[in-house]
Amino acid sequence: MLVITRKPGERITIGDDVVVTVVEVKGSLVKLGIEAPRSISIHRLEIYDRIRKQNLEASEIDASDLTRAVSILNKTQSNGE
């Protein structure tokens, strides 16, 4: 982990495409501005973790769903479709 000290208005770059600006420091809170291409997703870590968990849950296959899909496929093929 890189740890640096910046004052409000100062910036850092990440790669060639991402610029992080310290917008404001108020007590223990730091407000950051992030400039990045639209193709790069930017999330707070707790939101990213929630999205990742939901994606993993959505990708899980229940055996009954698979059995039902096979049944539908077999019916479609037996009807000549």
N, C-alpha and C. Protein backbone atom coordinates (compact mmCIF):
# COMPACT_ATOMS: atom_id res chain seq x y z
N MET A 1 0.85 -1.17 0.00
CA MET A 1 0.00 0.00 0.00
C MET A 1 0.90 1.24 0.00
N LEU A 2 0.60 2.14 -0.86
CA LEU A 2 1.29 3.42 -0.91
C LEU A 2 0.54 4.40 0.00
N VAL A 3 1.24 5.02 0.92
CA VAL A 3 0.64 6.02 1.80
C VAL A 3 1.33 7.35 1.52
N ILE A 4 0.53 8.35 1.15
CA ILE A 4 1.09 9.68 0.86
C ILE A 4 0.28 10.75 1.58
N THR A 5 0.88 11.89 1.72
CA THR A 5 0.20 13.03 2.34
C THR A 5 -0.10 14.05 1.25
N ARG A 6 -1.32 14.51 1.20
CA ARG A 6 -1.74 15.52 0.23
C ARG A 6 -2.57 16.57 0.94
N LYS A 7 -2.54 17.77 0.43
CA LYS A 7 -3.35 18.88 0.96
C LYS A 7 -4.53 19.09 0.03
N PRO A 8 -5.58 19.76 0.51
CA PRO A 8 -6.71 20.05 -0.38
C PRO A 8 -6.23 20.72 -1.67
N GLY A 9 -6.79 20.23 -2.78
CA GLY A 9 -6.44 20.75 -4.09
C GLY A 9 -5.32 19.98 -4.76
N GLU A 10 -4.55 19.21 -3.99
CA GLU A 10 -3.48 18.42 -4.58
C GLU A 10 -4.03 17.14 -5.17
N ARG A 11 -3.28 16.59 -6.13
CA ARG A 11 -3.78 15.44 -6.89
C ARG A 11 -2.75 14.33 -6.94
N ILE A 12 -3.24 13.13 -7.22
CA ILE A 12 -2.38 11.99 -7.54
C ILE A 12 -2.94 11.32 -8.77
N THR A 13 -2.10 10.59 -9.47
CA THR A 13 -2.56 9.85 -10.64
C THR A 13 -2.40 8.35 -10.39
N ILE A 14 -3.31 7.60 -10.97
CA ILE A 14 -3.25 6.14 -10.94
C ILE A 14 -3.24 5.71 -12.40
N GLY A 15 -2.11 5.18 -12.85
CA GLY A 15 -1.97 4.87 -14.26
C GLY A 15 -2.03 6.15 -15.07
N ASP A 16 -2.44 6.01 -16.32
CA ASP A 16 -2.53 7.18 -17.21
C ASP A 16 -3.91 7.81 -17.22
N ASP A 17 -4.91 7.09 -16.68
CA ASP A 17 -6.29 7.51 -16.89
C ASP A 17 -7.05 7.97 -15.65
N VAL A 18 -6.49 7.79 -14.46
CA VAL A 18 -7.24 8.10 -13.23
C VAL A 18 -6.51 9.19 -12.45
N VAL A 19 -7.25 10.23 -12.08
CA VAL A 19 -6.70 11.32 -11.27
C VAL A 19 -7.58 11.47 -10.03
N VAL A 20 -6.94 11.46 -8.87
CA VAL A 20 -7.65 11.62 -7.59
C VAL A 20 -7.24 12.97 -7.01
N THR A 21 -8.24 13.79 -6.68
CA THR A 21 -8.00 15.12 -6.12
C THR A 21 -8.54 15.17 -4.71
N VAL A 22 -7.75 15.71 -3.78
CA VAL A 22 -8.24 15.96 -2.43
C VAL A 22 -9.07 17.23 -2.51
N VAL A 23 -10.37 17.10 -2.34
CA VAL A 23 -11.28 18.24 -2.48
C VAL A 23 -11.38 19.00 -1.16
N GLU A 24 -11.48 18.26 -0.05
CA GLU A 24 -11.70 18.92 1.24
C GLU A 24 -11.26 17.99 2.37
N VAL A 25 -10.72 18.58 3.41
CA VAL A 25 -10.41 17.83 4.63
C VAL A 25 -11.12 18.55 5.77
N LYS A 26 -11.98 17.82 6.46
CA LYS A 26 -12.76 18.41 7.55
C LYS A 26 -12.70 17.43 8.72
N GLY A 27 -11.88 17.73 9.73
CA GLY A 27 -11.73 16.81 10.86
C GLY A 27 -11.12 15.51 10.38
N SER A 28 -11.80 14.40 10.66
CA SER A 28 -11.28 13.10 10.25
C SER A 28 -11.85 12.66 8.90
N LEU A 29 -12.59 13.53 8.22
CA LEU A 29 -13.17 13.18 6.92
C LEU A 29 -12.38 13.81 5.79
N VAL A 30 -12.19 13.04 4.73
CA VAL A 30 -11.51 13.52 3.55
C VAL A 30 -12.45 13.36 2.37
N LYS A 31 -12.67 14.43 1.63
CA LYS A 31 -13.52 14.36 0.44
C LYS A 31 -12.61 14.30 -0.77
N LEU A 32 -12.80 13.24 -1.58
CA LEU A 32 -11.98 13.01 -2.76
C LEU A 32 -12.79 13.18 -4.03
N GLY A 33 -12.17 13.70 -5.05
CA GLY A 33 -12.76 13.73 -6.39
C GLY A 33 -11.97 12.77 -7.25
N ILE A 34 -12.66 11.97 -8.05
CA ILE A 34 -11.99 10.96 -8.87
C ILE A 34 -12.40 11.17 -10.33
N GLU A 35 -11.40 11.38 -11.17
CA GLU A 35 -11.63 11.49 -12.62
C GLU A 35 -11.11 10.22 -13.26
N ALA A 36 -12.00 9.52 -13.97
CA ALA A 36 -11.62 8.27 -14.62
C ALA A 36 -12.52 8.05 -15.84
N PRO A 37 -12.04 7.26 -16.79
CA PRO A 37 -12.89 6.93 -17.95
C PRO A 37 -14.17 6.22 -17.49
N ARG A 38 -15.22 6.38 -18.24
CA ARG A 38 -16.50 5.74 -17.89
C ARG A 38 -16.39 4.22 -17.86
N SER A 39 -15.41 3.68 -18.54
CA SER A 39 -15.25 2.23 -18.58
C SER A 39 -14.70 1.66 -17.27
N ILE A 40 -14.26 2.52 -16.37
CA ILE A 40 -13.74 2.08 -15.07
C ILE A 40 -14.81 2.31 -14.01
N SER A 41 -15.21 1.23 -13.34
CA SER A 41 -16.20 1.34 -12.26
C SER A 41 -15.52 1.83 -11.00
N ILE A 42 -16.17 2.77 -10.31
CA ILE A 42 -15.65 3.29 -9.05
C ILE A 42 -16.74 3.15 -8.01
N HIS A 43 -16.44 2.42 -6.94
CA HIS A 43 -17.41 2.18 -5.86
C HIS A 43 -16.72 2.31 -4.51
N ARG A 44 -17.47 2.71 -3.51
CA ARG A 44 -16.97 2.58 -2.14
C ARG A 44 -16.83 1.09 -1.87
N LEU A 45 -15.87 0.70 -1.03
CA LEU A 45 -15.59 -0.72 -0.83
C LEU A 45 -16.80 -1.49 -0.34
N GLU A 46 -17.59 -0.91 0.57
CA GLU A 46 -18.75 -1.64 1.09
C GLU A 46 -19.80 -1.89 0.00
N ILE A 47 -19.92 -0.97 -0.96
CA ILE A 47 -20.84 -1.17 -2.08
C ILE A 47 -20.28 -2.23 -3.03
N TYR A 48 -18.98 -2.15 -3.31
CA TYR A 48 -18.34 -3.14 -4.17
C TYR A 48 -18.51 -4.55 -3.60
N ASP A 49 -18.30 -4.69 -2.29
CA ASP A 49 -18.46 -6.01 -1.65
C ASP A 49 -19.88 -6.52 -1.78
N ARG A 50 -20.87 -5.63 -1.64
CA ARG A 50 -22.28 -6.02 -1.76
C ARG A 50 -22.59 -6.47 -3.20
N ILE A 51 -22.09 -5.73 -4.18
CA ILE A 51 -22.31 -6.09 -5.59
C ILE A 51 -21.69 -7.45 -5.88
N ARG A 52 -20.48 -7.65 -5.40
CA ARG A 52 -19.78 -8.92 -5.61
C ARG A 52 -20.54 -10.09 -4.99
N LYS A 53 -21.05 -9.88 -3.78
CA LYS A 53 -21.82 -10.94 -3.10
C LYS A 53 -23.09 -11.27 -3.88
N GLN A 54 -23.80 -10.23 -4.34
CA GLN A 54 -25.03 -10.45 -5.10
C GLN A 54 -24.73 -11.18 -6.41
N ASN A 55 -23.62 -10.83 -7.07
CA ASN A 55 -23.26 -11.51 -8.31
C ASN A 55 -22.95 -12.98 -8.07
N LEU A 56 -22.26 -13.29 -6.98
CA LEU A 56 -21.96 -14.68 -6.65
C LEU A 56 -23.23 -15.46 -6.36
N GLU A 57 -24.16 -14.84 -5.60
CA GLU A 57 -25.42 -15.51 -5.30
C GLU A 57 -26.23 -15.75 -6.56
N ALA A 58 -26.22 -14.80 -7.47
CA ALA A 58 -26.99 -14.93 -8.71
C ALA A 58 -26.41 -16.01 -9.62
N SER A 59 -25.12 -16.26 -9.48
CA SER A 59 -24.48 -17.25 -10.36
C SER A 59 -24.63 -18.67 -9.84
N GLU A 60 -25.11 -18.83 -8.62
CA GLU A 60 -25.28 -20.18 -8.08
C GLU A 60 -26.47 -20.86 -8.75
N ILE A 61 -26.29 -22.13 -9.11
CA ILE A 61 -27.34 -22.88 -9.79
C ILE A 61 -27.94 -23.87 -8.80
N ASP A 62 -29.26 -23.81 -8.69
CA ASP A 62 -29.98 -24.77 -7.85
C ASP A 62 -30.29 -25.99 -8.71
N ALA A 63 -30.12 -27.17 -8.16
CA ALA A 63 -30.34 -28.41 -8.91
C ALA A 63 -31.75 -28.47 -9.50
N SER A 64 -32.74 -27.97 -8.78
CA SER A 64 -34.11 -28.02 -9.29
C SER A 64 -34.27 -27.13 -10.52
N ASP A 65 -33.53 -26.01 -10.56
CA ASP A 65 -33.58 -25.14 -11.75
C ASP A 65 -33.00 -25.86 -12.96
N LEU A 66 -31.92 -26.59 -12.74
CA LEU A 66 -31.29 -27.32 -13.83
C LEU A 66 -32.20 -28.44 -14.33
N THR A 67 -32.84 -29.15 -13.42
CA THR A 67 -33.77 -30.22 -13.79
C THR A 67 -34.93 -29.65 -14.60
N ARG A 68 -35.45 -28.54 -14.18
CA ARG A 68 -36.56 -27.90 -14.89
C ARG A 68 -36.13 -27.44 -16.28
N ALA A 69 -34.90 -26.90 -16.40
CA ALA A 69 -34.41 -26.46 -17.70
C ALA A 69 -34.26 -27.65 -18.66
N VAL A 70 -33.76 -28.76 -18.16
CA VAL A 70 -33.61 -29.96 -18.99
C VAL A 70 -34.98 -30.44 -19.44
N SER A 71 -35.97 -30.41 -18.55
CA SER A 71 -37.32 -30.84 -18.88
C SER A 71 -37.91 -29.97 -19.99
N ILE A 72 -37.73 -28.69 -19.88
CA ILE A 72 -38.25 -27.76 -20.90
C ILE A 72 -37.55 -28.02 -22.23
N LEU A 73 -36.24 -28.20 -22.19
CA LEU A 73 -35.48 -28.46 -23.41
C LEU A 73 -35.95 -29.75 -24.07
N ASN A 74 -36.17 -30.80 -23.28
CA ASN A 74 -36.63 -32.08 -23.83
C ASN A 74 -38.01 -31.95 -24.46
N LYS A 75 -38.92 -31.19 -23.82
CA LYS A 75 -40.25 -30.98 -24.39
C LYS A 75 -40.17 -30.24 -25.72
N THR A 76 -39.29 -29.23 -25.77
CA THR A 76 -39.13 -28.44 -27.00
C THR A 76 -38.62 -29.31 -28.13
N GLN A 77 -37.63 -30.16 -27.81
CA GLN A 77 -37.06 -31.03 -28.85
C GLN A 77 -38.05 -32.10 -29.29
N SER A 78 -38.88 -32.61 -28.38
CA SER A 78 -39.83 -33.67 -28.76
C SER A 78 -41.01 -33.09 -29.57
N ASN A 79 -41.23 -31.78 -29.46
CA ASN A 79 -42.30 -31.14 -30.25
C ASN A 79 -41.79 -30.70 -31.61
N GLY A 80 -40.53 -31.00 -31.92
CA GLY A 80 -39.98 -30.66 -33.22
C GLY A 80 -39.63 -29.21 -33.38
N GLU A 81 -39.47 -28.51 -32.28
CA GLU A 81 -39.11 -27.07 -32.38
C GLU A 81 -37.64 -26.87 -32.36
